[in-house]
Amino acid sequence: MSKIQTQNQMIATTDVSDAHPDAQVAEPVFADFGGKLDFHGPIKTLKVFEDNAQVRAVLETPGKGRVLVVDGGGSPRCALVGGNLGVLGVKNGWAGIVVYGYIRDSIEISDQNIGVKALGSHPRKSEKGLHSAVEDKLLEFAGVRFKPGAYLYADADGIVVTDQPVHGR
C-alpha cells in the first residue's frame, strides 16, 4: 500500500513507519494467527503469567476497536489465548490481540475475524487462579513500550506503536 487509509481498511505498517520515523517498531518476534492480518486500534494492556483468567475477563468486555496487548512474560509453558477467547474478542468488538506468549487452537483462530499475533502456538492450556494480573500499566517487550491508550498498527510486516492515531492525517 502506498497510502495510509481510513477506518476498516488496511493501514500498512511500512507506511506508518515511513511517515512517522519516531514511531516504535516491535522486534520481529511475532507470528500471525488471526483471520485478520492487518488491524489497528488504541492499546489496552494486561500483564499475566501462565494464567489467562483475566485475559478472558477483559475480552468479555466491550473492545470498542481496541487492541489487547498481553504480556505473558514470553513463557513457553502454556497458551494464554485459545479459540474460545478469540470468539469473545470478535463478539465484543476487539480489533486484535497481541500476546507476548503463546496461543492455542491456531487453526480455529485463523478462521476468526480478529487480528492475533503471538510468539507461537502451544497445546497446553493455562492454569486458572494461580497468579494475579495487572491491567492498564506500561508494558515493555519486543523493544517497545506499550502504553495504555497509545495506538497500535499491525500487519504481516510487523507492529508499529504511536502515541496518537496517525492514520487519516
N, C-alpha and C. Protein backbone atom coordinates (compact mmCIF):
# COMPACT_ATOMS: atom_id res chain seq x y z
N MET A 1 0.84 -1.17 0.00
CA MET A 1 0.00 0.00 0.00
C MET A 1 0.88 1.24 0.00
N SER A 2 0.45 2.24 -0.67
CA SER A 2 1.25 3.46 -0.72
C SER A 2 0.63 4.59 0.09
N LYS A 3 -0.56 4.41 0.62
CA LYS A 3 -1.20 5.45 1.40
C LYS A 3 -1.75 4.87 2.68
N ILE A 4 -1.73 5.68 3.72
CA ILE A 4 -2.40 5.30 4.95
C ILE A 4 -3.88 5.57 4.73
N GLN A 5 -4.70 4.53 4.90
CA GLN A 5 -6.12 4.66 4.62
C GLN A 5 -6.93 4.81 5.90
N THR A 6 -8.22 4.91 5.75
CA THR A 6 -9.09 5.19 6.88
C THR A 6 -9.64 3.94 7.54
N GLN A 7 -10.46 4.15 8.57
CA GLN A 7 -11.06 3.09 9.38
C GLN A 7 -11.55 1.91 8.54
N ASN A 8 -11.35 0.71 9.07
CA ASN A 8 -11.79 -0.55 8.48
C ASN A 8 -11.06 -0.91 7.18
N GLN A 9 -10.03 -0.18 6.84
CA GLN A 9 -9.23 -0.52 5.68
C GLN A 9 -7.80 -0.73 6.13
N MET A 10 -7.04 -1.42 5.31
CA MET A 10 -5.66 -1.71 5.65
C MET A 10 -4.83 -0.44 5.81
N ILE A 11 -4.04 -0.42 6.86
CA ILE A 11 -3.09 0.65 7.10
C ILE A 11 -1.73 -0.04 7.20
N ALA A 12 -0.91 0.12 6.21
CA ALA A 12 0.37 -0.58 6.15
C ALA A 12 1.33 -0.06 7.20
N THR A 13 1.92 -0.98 7.97
CA THR A 13 2.90 -0.58 8.98
C THR A 13 4.11 0.07 8.33
N THR A 14 4.44 -0.34 7.12
CA THR A 14 5.57 0.28 6.42
C THR A 14 5.30 1.76 6.17
N ASP A 15 4.06 2.08 5.80
CA ASP A 15 3.70 3.47 5.55
C ASP A 15 3.70 4.28 6.85
N VAL A 16 3.19 3.68 7.93
CA VAL A 16 3.19 4.37 9.22
C VAL A 16 4.63 4.63 9.65
N SER A 17 5.47 3.62 9.52
CA SER A 17 6.88 3.77 9.90
C SER A 17 7.59 4.82 9.06
N ASP A 18 7.35 4.81 7.75
CA ASP A 18 7.98 5.79 6.86
C ASP A 18 7.53 7.22 7.17
N ALA A 19 6.22 7.39 7.41
CA ALA A 19 5.67 8.72 7.64
C ALA A 19 5.97 9.23 9.06
N HIS A 20 6.27 8.30 9.97
CA HIS A 20 6.49 8.67 11.37
C HIS A 20 7.73 7.94 11.89
N PRO A 21 8.92 8.43 11.51
CA PRO A 21 10.15 7.74 11.88
C PRO A 21 10.39 7.65 13.39
N ASP A 22 9.67 8.44 14.17
CA ASP A 22 9.80 8.37 15.62
C ASP A 22 8.91 7.28 16.23
N ALA A 23 8.07 6.65 15.42
CA ALA A 23 7.19 5.58 15.92
C ALA A 23 8.03 4.39 16.38
N GLN A 24 7.53 3.68 17.38
CA GLN A 24 8.20 2.49 17.86
C GLN A 24 7.86 1.31 16.96
N VAL A 25 8.85 0.47 16.68
CA VAL A 25 8.64 -0.71 15.85
C VAL A 25 9.06 -1.93 16.67
N ALA A 26 8.16 -2.89 16.80
CA ALA A 26 8.45 -4.09 17.58
C ALA A 26 9.47 -4.98 16.86
N GLU A 27 10.30 -5.61 17.67
CA GLU A 27 11.22 -6.61 17.12
C GLU A 27 10.40 -7.68 16.42
N PRO A 28 10.92 -8.28 15.35
CA PRO A 28 10.14 -9.24 14.56
C PRO A 28 10.10 -10.63 15.20
N VAL A 29 9.43 -10.71 16.36
CA VAL A 29 9.34 -11.98 17.09
C VAL A 29 7.94 -12.60 17.03
N PHE A 30 6.99 -11.87 16.45
CA PHE A 30 5.60 -12.32 16.46
C PHE A 30 5.19 -12.98 15.16
N ALA A 31 4.36 -14.00 15.29
CA ALA A 31 3.75 -14.67 14.15
C ALA A 31 2.28 -14.26 14.10
N ASP A 32 1.69 -14.34 12.90
CA ASP A 32 0.27 -14.02 12.71
C ASP A 32 -0.56 -15.28 12.86
N PHE A 33 -1.66 -15.18 13.62
CA PHE A 33 -2.54 -16.32 13.81
C PHE A 33 -4.00 -16.01 13.50
N GLY A 34 -4.43 -14.79 13.64
CA GLY A 34 -5.83 -14.45 13.45
C GLY A 34 -6.25 -14.44 12.00
N GLY A 35 -7.55 -14.39 11.78
CA GLY A 35 -8.10 -14.32 10.43
C GLY A 35 -7.88 -12.97 9.77
N LYS A 36 -7.55 -11.95 10.56
CA LYS A 36 -7.21 -10.63 10.03
C LYS A 36 -5.72 -10.43 10.21
N LEU A 37 -5.02 -10.16 9.13
CA LEU A 37 -3.58 -9.90 9.24
C LEU A 37 -3.30 -8.44 9.58
N ASP A 38 -4.18 -7.54 9.18
CA ASP A 38 -3.98 -6.13 9.48
C ASP A 38 -5.06 -5.67 10.45
N PHE A 39 -4.60 -4.97 11.50
CA PHE A 39 -5.54 -4.43 12.48
C PHE A 39 -4.87 -3.25 13.17
N HIS A 40 -5.68 -2.41 13.77
CA HIS A 40 -5.16 -1.26 14.49
C HIS A 40 -6.18 -0.79 15.51
N GLY A 41 -5.68 -0.08 16.50
CA GLY A 41 -6.58 0.49 17.50
C GLY A 41 -5.83 0.94 18.73
N PRO A 42 -6.55 1.60 19.63
CA PRO A 42 -5.96 2.02 20.90
C PRO A 42 -5.58 0.79 21.73
N ILE A 43 -4.53 0.92 22.51
CA ILE A 43 -4.00 -0.20 23.28
C ILE A 43 -4.65 -0.30 24.65
N LYS A 44 -5.01 -1.53 25.02
CA LYS A 44 -5.41 -1.91 26.39
C LYS A 44 -4.37 -2.91 26.84
N THR A 45 -3.71 -2.70 27.99
CA THR A 45 -2.64 -3.60 28.42
C THR A 45 -3.07 -4.52 29.55
N LEU A 46 -2.42 -5.68 29.58
CA LEU A 46 -2.67 -6.68 30.62
C LEU A 46 -1.39 -7.49 30.82
N LYS A 47 -0.95 -7.60 32.07
CA LYS A 47 0.21 -8.42 32.40
C LYS A 47 -0.27 -9.62 33.20
N VAL A 48 0.09 -10.82 32.70
CA VAL A 48 -0.30 -12.07 33.35
C VAL A 48 0.89 -13.02 33.33
N PHE A 49 0.78 -14.11 34.07
CA PHE A 49 1.81 -15.14 33.98
C PHE A 49 1.17 -16.51 34.10
N GLU A 50 1.13 -17.23 33.00
CA GLU A 50 0.64 -18.61 32.92
C GLU A 50 -0.75 -18.80 33.51
N ASP A 51 -1.56 -17.75 33.46
CA ASP A 51 -2.93 -17.77 33.99
C ASP A 51 -3.74 -16.81 33.12
N ASN A 52 -4.69 -17.34 32.34
CA ASN A 52 -5.41 -16.47 31.41
C ASN A 52 -6.80 -16.07 31.89
N ALA A 53 -7.10 -16.24 33.17
CA ALA A 53 -8.42 -15.88 33.67
C ALA A 53 -8.74 -14.41 33.41
N GLN A 54 -7.79 -13.52 33.61
CA GLN A 54 -8.04 -12.10 33.39
C GLN A 54 -8.08 -11.76 31.90
N VAL A 55 -7.38 -12.53 31.07
CA VAL A 55 -7.47 -12.33 29.62
C VAL A 55 -8.92 -12.54 29.21
N ARG A 56 -9.52 -13.62 29.69
CA ARG A 56 -10.93 -13.89 29.40
C ARG A 56 -11.81 -12.75 29.91
N ALA A 57 -11.59 -12.33 31.15
CA ALA A 57 -12.42 -11.28 31.74
C ALA A 57 -12.35 -9.99 30.91
N VAL A 58 -11.18 -9.63 30.43
CA VAL A 58 -11.04 -8.42 29.62
C VAL A 58 -11.75 -8.59 28.28
N LEU A 59 -11.56 -9.74 27.64
CA LEU A 59 -12.19 -9.97 26.33
C LEU A 59 -13.71 -10.09 26.41
N GLU A 60 -14.24 -10.29 27.61
CA GLU A 60 -15.69 -10.32 27.80
C GLU A 60 -16.28 -8.91 27.86
N THR A 61 -15.43 -7.90 27.92
CA THR A 61 -15.90 -6.51 27.97
C THR A 61 -15.90 -5.92 26.55
N PRO A 62 -16.64 -4.83 26.33
CA PRO A 62 -16.64 -4.21 25.01
C PRO A 62 -15.24 -3.75 24.59
N GLY A 63 -14.81 -4.21 23.42
CA GLY A 63 -13.48 -3.86 22.93
C GLY A 63 -13.43 -2.48 22.30
N LYS A 64 -14.52 -2.05 21.70
CA LYS A 64 -14.61 -0.72 21.08
C LYS A 64 -13.46 -0.47 20.11
N GLY A 65 -13.05 -1.53 19.37
CA GLY A 65 -11.99 -1.37 18.38
C GLY A 65 -10.59 -1.32 18.95
N ARG A 66 -10.44 -1.65 20.23
CA ARG A 66 -9.11 -1.61 20.85
C ARG A 66 -8.32 -2.88 20.54
N VAL A 67 -7.02 -2.81 20.86
CA VAL A 67 -6.13 -3.96 20.73
C VAL A 67 -5.68 -4.33 22.14
N LEU A 68 -5.91 -5.57 22.53
CA LEU A 68 -5.47 -6.07 23.83
C LEU A 68 -4.02 -6.54 23.69
N VAL A 69 -3.13 -5.91 24.45
CA VAL A 69 -1.72 -6.29 24.47
C VAL A 69 -1.47 -7.03 25.78
N VAL A 70 -1.12 -8.32 25.66
CA VAL A 70 -0.93 -9.18 26.82
C VAL A 70 0.54 -9.51 26.98
N ASP A 71 1.10 -9.14 28.12
CA ASP A 71 2.47 -9.51 28.45
C ASP A 71 2.41 -10.77 29.31
N GLY A 72 2.70 -11.90 28.68
CA GLY A 72 2.74 -13.17 29.38
C GLY A 72 4.15 -13.57 29.77
N GLY A 73 5.06 -12.61 29.74
CA GLY A 73 6.44 -12.89 30.10
C GLY A 73 7.17 -13.78 29.11
N GLY A 74 6.54 -14.06 27.99
CA GLY A 74 7.16 -14.92 26.98
C GLY A 74 7.24 -16.38 27.41
N SER A 75 6.49 -16.77 28.44
CA SER A 75 6.57 -18.13 28.95
C SER A 75 6.20 -19.15 27.88
N PRO A 76 7.07 -20.14 27.66
CA PRO A 76 6.80 -21.18 26.68
C PRO A 76 6.10 -22.41 27.27
N ARG A 77 5.55 -22.29 28.47
CA ARG A 77 4.96 -23.47 29.14
C ARG A 77 3.48 -23.67 28.90
N CYS A 78 2.78 -22.65 28.37
CA CYS A 78 1.34 -22.81 28.13
C CYS A 78 0.86 -21.70 27.21
N ALA A 79 -0.37 -21.84 26.75
CA ALA A 79 -1.01 -20.83 25.90
C ALA A 79 -1.87 -19.91 26.75
N LEU A 80 -1.94 -18.65 26.35
CA LEU A 80 -2.76 -17.68 27.07
C LEU A 80 -4.04 -17.31 26.33
N VAL A 81 -4.11 -17.60 25.05
CA VAL A 81 -5.30 -17.31 24.24
C VAL A 81 -5.59 -18.54 23.39
N GLY A 82 -6.88 -18.91 23.34
CA GLY A 82 -7.31 -20.02 22.51
C GLY A 82 -8.53 -19.62 21.70
N GLY A 83 -9.10 -20.59 21.03
CA GLY A 83 -10.23 -20.33 20.15
C GLY A 83 -11.42 -19.70 20.82
N ASN A 84 -11.76 -20.13 22.04
CA ASN A 84 -12.91 -19.55 22.75
C ASN A 84 -12.67 -18.08 23.07
N LEU A 85 -11.45 -17.72 23.42
CA LEU A 85 -11.16 -16.32 23.71
C LEU A 85 -11.16 -15.50 22.42
N GLY A 86 -10.75 -16.11 21.32
CA GLY A 86 -10.84 -15.43 20.03
C GLY A 86 -12.28 -15.11 19.69
N VAL A 87 -13.18 -16.06 19.94
CA VAL A 87 -14.61 -15.84 19.69
C VAL A 87 -15.10 -14.67 20.53
N LEU A 88 -14.71 -14.61 21.81
CA LEU A 88 -15.10 -13.49 22.67
C LEU A 88 -14.59 -12.16 22.11
N GLY A 89 -13.35 -12.17 21.64
CA GLY A 89 -12.78 -10.94 21.08
C GLY A 89 -13.57 -10.44 19.89
N VAL A 90 -13.94 -11.34 19.00
CA VAL A 90 -14.73 -10.97 17.82
C VAL A 90 -16.10 -10.46 18.27
N LYS A 91 -16.77 -11.24 19.11
CA LYS A 91 -18.12 -10.91 19.57
C LYS A 91 -18.19 -9.54 20.26
N ASN A 92 -17.13 -9.19 20.99
CA ASN A 92 -17.16 -7.97 21.79
C ASN A 92 -16.41 -6.80 21.15
N GLY A 93 -16.06 -6.92 19.87
CA GLY A 93 -15.55 -5.78 19.13
C GLY A 93 -14.09 -5.42 19.37
N TRP A 94 -13.25 -6.39 19.71
CA TRP A 94 -11.81 -6.14 19.83
C TRP A 94 -11.20 -6.20 18.44
N ALA A 95 -10.31 -5.26 18.13
CA ALA A 95 -9.66 -5.25 16.81
C ALA A 95 -8.59 -6.33 16.72
N GLY A 96 -7.92 -6.59 17.83
CA GLY A 96 -6.85 -7.57 17.81
C GLY A 96 -6.32 -7.87 19.19
N ILE A 97 -5.45 -8.88 19.22
CA ILE A 97 -4.78 -9.32 20.44
C ILE A 97 -3.32 -9.56 20.10
N VAL A 98 -2.43 -8.97 20.88
CA VAL A 98 -1.00 -9.20 20.74
C VAL A 98 -0.56 -9.88 22.04
N VAL A 99 0.04 -11.07 21.92
CA VAL A 99 0.42 -11.84 23.09
C VAL A 99 1.93 -12.06 23.12
N TYR A 100 2.57 -11.53 24.16
CA TYR A 100 3.98 -11.86 24.38
C TYR A 100 3.97 -13.16 25.17
N GLY A 101 3.68 -14.20 24.43
CA GLY A 101 3.48 -15.55 24.93
C GLY A 101 2.90 -16.38 23.79
N TYR A 102 2.13 -17.38 24.13
CA TYR A 102 1.68 -18.36 23.15
C TYR A 102 0.16 -18.47 23.11
N ILE A 103 -0.33 -18.96 21.97
CA ILE A 103 -1.77 -19.19 21.78
C ILE A 103 -1.96 -20.67 21.48
N ARG A 104 -3.20 -21.12 21.47
CA ARG A 104 -3.52 -22.48 21.05
C ARG A 104 -4.76 -22.41 20.16
N ASP A 105 -5.17 -23.55 19.64
CA ASP A 105 -6.31 -23.59 18.70
C ASP A 105 -6.02 -22.71 17.49
N SER A 106 -4.81 -22.81 16.98
CA SER A 106 -4.36 -21.90 15.92
C SER A 106 -5.20 -22.02 14.64
N ILE A 107 -5.65 -23.21 14.30
CA ILE A 107 -6.49 -23.37 13.09
C ILE A 107 -7.82 -22.65 13.30
N GLU A 108 -8.41 -22.83 14.47
CA GLU A 108 -9.67 -22.17 14.79
C GLU A 108 -9.51 -20.64 14.76
N ILE A 109 -8.45 -20.14 15.37
CA ILE A 109 -8.21 -18.70 15.43
C ILE A 109 -7.98 -18.13 14.03
N SER A 110 -7.37 -18.91 13.15
CA SER A 110 -7.10 -18.42 11.79
C SER A 110 -8.39 -18.16 11.00
N ASP A 111 -9.50 -18.73 11.44
CA ASP A 111 -10.79 -18.52 10.78
C ASP A 111 -11.60 -17.40 11.42
N GLN A 112 -11.09 -16.79 12.46
CA GLN A 112 -11.83 -15.76 13.18
C GLN A 112 -11.48 -14.37 12.67
N ASN A 113 -12.47 -13.49 12.68
CA ASN A 113 -12.31 -12.13 12.15
C ASN A 113 -11.69 -11.21 13.21
N ILE A 114 -10.46 -11.54 13.59
CA ILE A 114 -9.73 -10.75 14.57
C ILE A 114 -8.24 -10.92 14.29
N GLY A 115 -7.47 -9.89 14.56
CA GLY A 115 -6.03 -9.99 14.42
C GLY A 115 -5.45 -10.61 15.68
N VAL A 116 -4.56 -11.58 15.53
CA VAL A 116 -3.89 -12.19 16.67
C VAL A 116 -2.43 -12.39 16.32
N LYS A 117 -1.56 -11.82 17.13
CA LYS A 117 -0.12 -12.02 16.99
C LYS A 117 0.39 -12.59 18.30
N ALA A 118 1.30 -13.56 18.19
CA ALA A 118 1.88 -14.19 19.38
C ALA A 118 3.24 -14.74 19.01
N LEU A 119 3.97 -15.20 20.02
CA LEU A 119 5.29 -15.77 19.77
C LEU A 119 5.20 -17.12 19.06
N GLY A 120 4.11 -17.84 19.27
CA GLY A 120 3.92 -19.14 18.65
C GLY A 120 2.68 -19.81 19.20
N SER A 121 2.56 -21.10 18.91
CA SER A 121 1.42 -21.86 19.42
C SER A 121 1.91 -22.96 20.37
N HIS A 122 1.03 -23.36 21.28
CA HIS A 122 1.35 -24.34 22.31
C HIS A 122 0.06 -25.08 22.66
N PRO A 123 0.09 -26.40 22.78
CA PRO A 123 -1.16 -27.12 23.03
C PRO A 123 -1.67 -27.04 24.47
N ARG A 124 -0.83 -26.73 25.43
CA ARG A 124 -1.25 -26.76 26.84
C ARG A 124 -2.00 -25.49 27.21
N LYS A 125 -3.14 -25.68 27.91
CA LYS A 125 -3.90 -24.53 28.39
C LYS A 125 -3.23 -23.98 29.65
N SER A 126 -3.56 -22.73 29.96
CA SER A 126 -3.00 -22.12 31.16
C SER A 126 -3.77 -22.59 32.39
N GLU A 127 -3.20 -22.35 33.54
CA GLU A 127 -3.88 -22.62 34.80
C GLU A 127 -4.77 -21.42 35.13
N LYS A 128 -5.71 -21.63 36.00
CA LYS A 128 -6.60 -20.54 36.42
C LYS A 128 -6.42 -20.30 37.91
N GLY A 129 -6.33 -19.02 38.27
CA GLY A 129 -6.27 -18.65 39.67
C GLY A 129 -4.92 -18.81 40.35
N LEU A 130 -3.87 -19.08 39.59
CA LEU A 130 -2.55 -19.26 40.19
C LEU A 130 -1.83 -17.95 40.41
N HIS A 131 -2.03 -17.01 39.50
CA HIS A 131 -1.28 -15.77 39.55
C HIS A 131 -2.21 -14.58 39.40
N SER A 132 -1.80 -13.45 39.93
CA SER A 132 -2.59 -12.24 39.76
C SER A 132 -2.27 -11.60 38.40
N ALA A 133 -3.11 -10.69 38.03
CA ALA A 133 -2.94 -9.97 36.76
C ALA A 133 -2.97 -8.48 37.05
N VAL A 134 -2.33 -7.71 36.17
CA VAL A 134 -2.30 -6.25 36.31
C VAL A 134 -2.78 -5.65 34.99
N GLU A 135 -3.78 -4.77 35.07
CA GLU A 135 -4.31 -4.09 33.88
C GLU A 135 -3.84 -2.65 33.80
N ASP A 136 -3.80 -2.17 32.57
CA ASP A 136 -3.59 -0.75 32.28
C ASP A 136 -2.30 -0.17 32.84
N LYS A 137 -1.24 -0.94 32.77
CA LYS A 137 0.09 -0.47 33.16
C LYS A 137 0.99 -0.47 31.93
N LEU A 138 2.04 0.32 31.97
CA LEU A 138 3.02 0.34 30.90
C LEU A 138 3.68 -1.03 30.82
N LEU A 139 3.73 -1.60 29.62
CA LEU A 139 4.39 -2.88 29.39
C LEU A 139 5.57 -2.66 28.46
N GLU A 140 6.62 -3.43 28.66
CA GLU A 140 7.79 -3.34 27.78
C GLU A 140 8.23 -4.74 27.37
N PHE A 141 8.22 -4.98 26.07
CA PHE A 141 8.76 -6.21 25.49
C PHE A 141 8.94 -5.99 24.00
N ALA A 142 9.72 -6.83 23.38
CA ALA A 142 10.00 -6.76 21.94
C ALA A 142 10.52 -5.38 21.52
N GLY A 143 11.22 -4.70 22.43
CA GLY A 143 11.81 -3.41 22.12
C GLY A 143 10.83 -2.25 22.06
N VAL A 144 9.61 -2.44 22.58
CA VAL A 144 8.56 -1.42 22.52
C VAL A 144 7.98 -1.20 23.91
N ARG A 145 7.61 0.04 24.17
CA ARG A 145 6.87 0.39 25.39
C ARG A 145 5.40 0.52 24.98
N PHE A 146 4.58 -0.39 25.47
CA PHE A 146 3.14 -0.40 25.15
C PHE A 146 2.42 0.35 26.27
N LYS A 147 1.92 1.54 25.94
CA LYS A 147 1.26 2.39 26.92
C LYS A 147 -0.25 2.33 26.68
N PRO A 148 -1.04 2.13 27.73
CA PRO A 148 -2.49 2.16 27.54
C PRO A 148 -2.92 3.44 26.86
N GLY A 149 -3.76 3.30 25.83
CA GLY A 149 -4.25 4.46 25.09
C GLY A 149 -3.40 4.84 23.90
N ALA A 150 -2.14 4.38 23.85
CA ALA A 150 -1.32 4.61 22.65
C ALA A 150 -1.96 3.82 21.51
N TYR A 151 -1.45 3.98 20.31
CA TYR A 151 -2.08 3.37 19.14
C TYR A 151 -1.19 2.30 18.54
N LEU A 152 -1.75 1.15 18.25
CA LEU A 152 -1.01 0.03 17.67
C LEU A 152 -1.51 -0.24 16.26
N TYR A 153 -0.57 -0.37 15.34
CA TYR A 153 -0.83 -0.76 13.96
C TYR A 153 -0.12 -2.08 13.71
N ALA A 154 -0.81 -3.05 13.13
CA ALA A 154 -0.20 -4.36 12.87
C ALA A 154 -0.62 -4.87 11.51
N ASP A 155 0.31 -5.56 10.87
CA ASP A 155 0.02 -6.28 9.63
C ASP A 155 1.07 -7.36 9.47
N ALA A 156 1.14 -7.96 8.31
CA ALA A 156 2.08 -9.07 8.08
C ALA A 156 3.54 -8.63 8.20
N ASP A 157 3.81 -7.33 8.09
CA ASP A 157 5.18 -6.83 8.21
C ASP A 157 5.60 -6.57 9.65
N GLY A 158 4.66 -6.47 10.57
CA GLY A 158 5.03 -6.25 11.95
C GLY A 158 4.07 -5.39 12.73
N ILE A 159 4.62 -4.77 13.79
CA ILE A 159 3.84 -3.95 14.71
C ILE A 159 4.53 -2.60 14.86
N VAL A 160 3.74 -1.52 14.75
CA VAL A 160 4.21 -0.17 14.95
C VAL A 160 3.32 0.47 15.99
N VAL A 161 3.92 1.20 16.93
CA VAL A 161 3.17 1.86 18.00
C VAL A 161 3.47 3.35 17.98
N THR A 162 2.39 4.14 18.03
CA THR A 162 2.50 5.59 18.07
C THR A 162 1.75 6.11 19.29
N ASP A 163 2.11 7.29 19.75
CA ASP A 163 1.42 7.86 20.92
C ASP A 163 -0.03 8.20 20.62
N GLN A 164 -0.29 8.64 19.39
CA GLN A 164 -1.63 9.03 18.97
C GLN A 164 -1.93 8.34 17.65
N PRO A 165 -3.21 8.22 17.26
CA PRO A 165 -3.52 7.67 15.94
C PRO A 165 -2.92 8.57 14.86
N VAL A 166 -2.35 7.97 13.84
CA VAL A 166 -1.72 8.75 12.77
C VAL A 166 -2.38 8.52 11.42
N HIS A 167 -3.32 7.59 11.34
CA HIS A 167 -4.00 7.37 10.06
C HIS A 167 -5.05 8.46 9.86
N GLY A 168 -5.34 8.72 8.59
CA GLY A 168 -6.33 9.74 8.27
C GLY A 168 -5.79 11.16 8.37
N ARG A 169 -4.48 11.27 8.60
CA ARG A 169 -3.88 12.62 8.69
C ARG A 169 -3.28 13.00 7.38
